[in-house]
Amino acid sequence: MSVPWGYLIGLAVLALPAVPVPRLPERLGTVWYFICLAVNELPLLVIAFFIADTALAASQGDLANPVATAAAVLAGACVALTAWRGFRTPHALRKALGAAYTPRRTSLARLLSPFAIRPRAVKRTANLAYGPAGKRHLLDLYRHRSHPEHAPVLVHFHGGHYEMG
């Protein structure tokens, strides 16, 4: 009985972003970053790919191999964990913002797109200085165009920037 390596590698790519990994060498870390970015930002596509890949493997008899079957179960749990973490985001926002959080209806196109599109009602004021360090102390302000009084404020402090690894 042969081991379905292609199927197992595909499962690893889908499943391993759910597992914490130690610091990786620069090139491998860069590849890993982009794999995890795709898996975390597109959970519905990952689930669809996992189901399709597993169905194909089953139709070809690859799941008769106990290693492949165990890997499929483990990968399914990892994919479900990653998706569950992503779908908990609205709960975290609701908890952080309280009554100010107003969920929007989500379209299928929005779920499948990892990039947010700023609504027209939001105005961006870019490059506001908040300190003496020039370009290092700039921020962008996003607010509703109507300037509502007593509007909630969400401050996001980015933890740095990504270079490699």
Foldseek 3Di string as FASTA:
>chain_A
DDAPVVLLVLLCLLQVLLPDDPDDPFVVQFVNVVSNVVNLLQLVVSVVVLVVSVVVCVVVVNCVDVVSVVSSVNSVVRSVSSVVVNVCVLVVVCVVVPPLDDDDDDDPVNNRDSDDDDDPQKDKDWFDADDDPPPVRGDIDIDGPVPDPPHDDDDDDDPDDDDTD
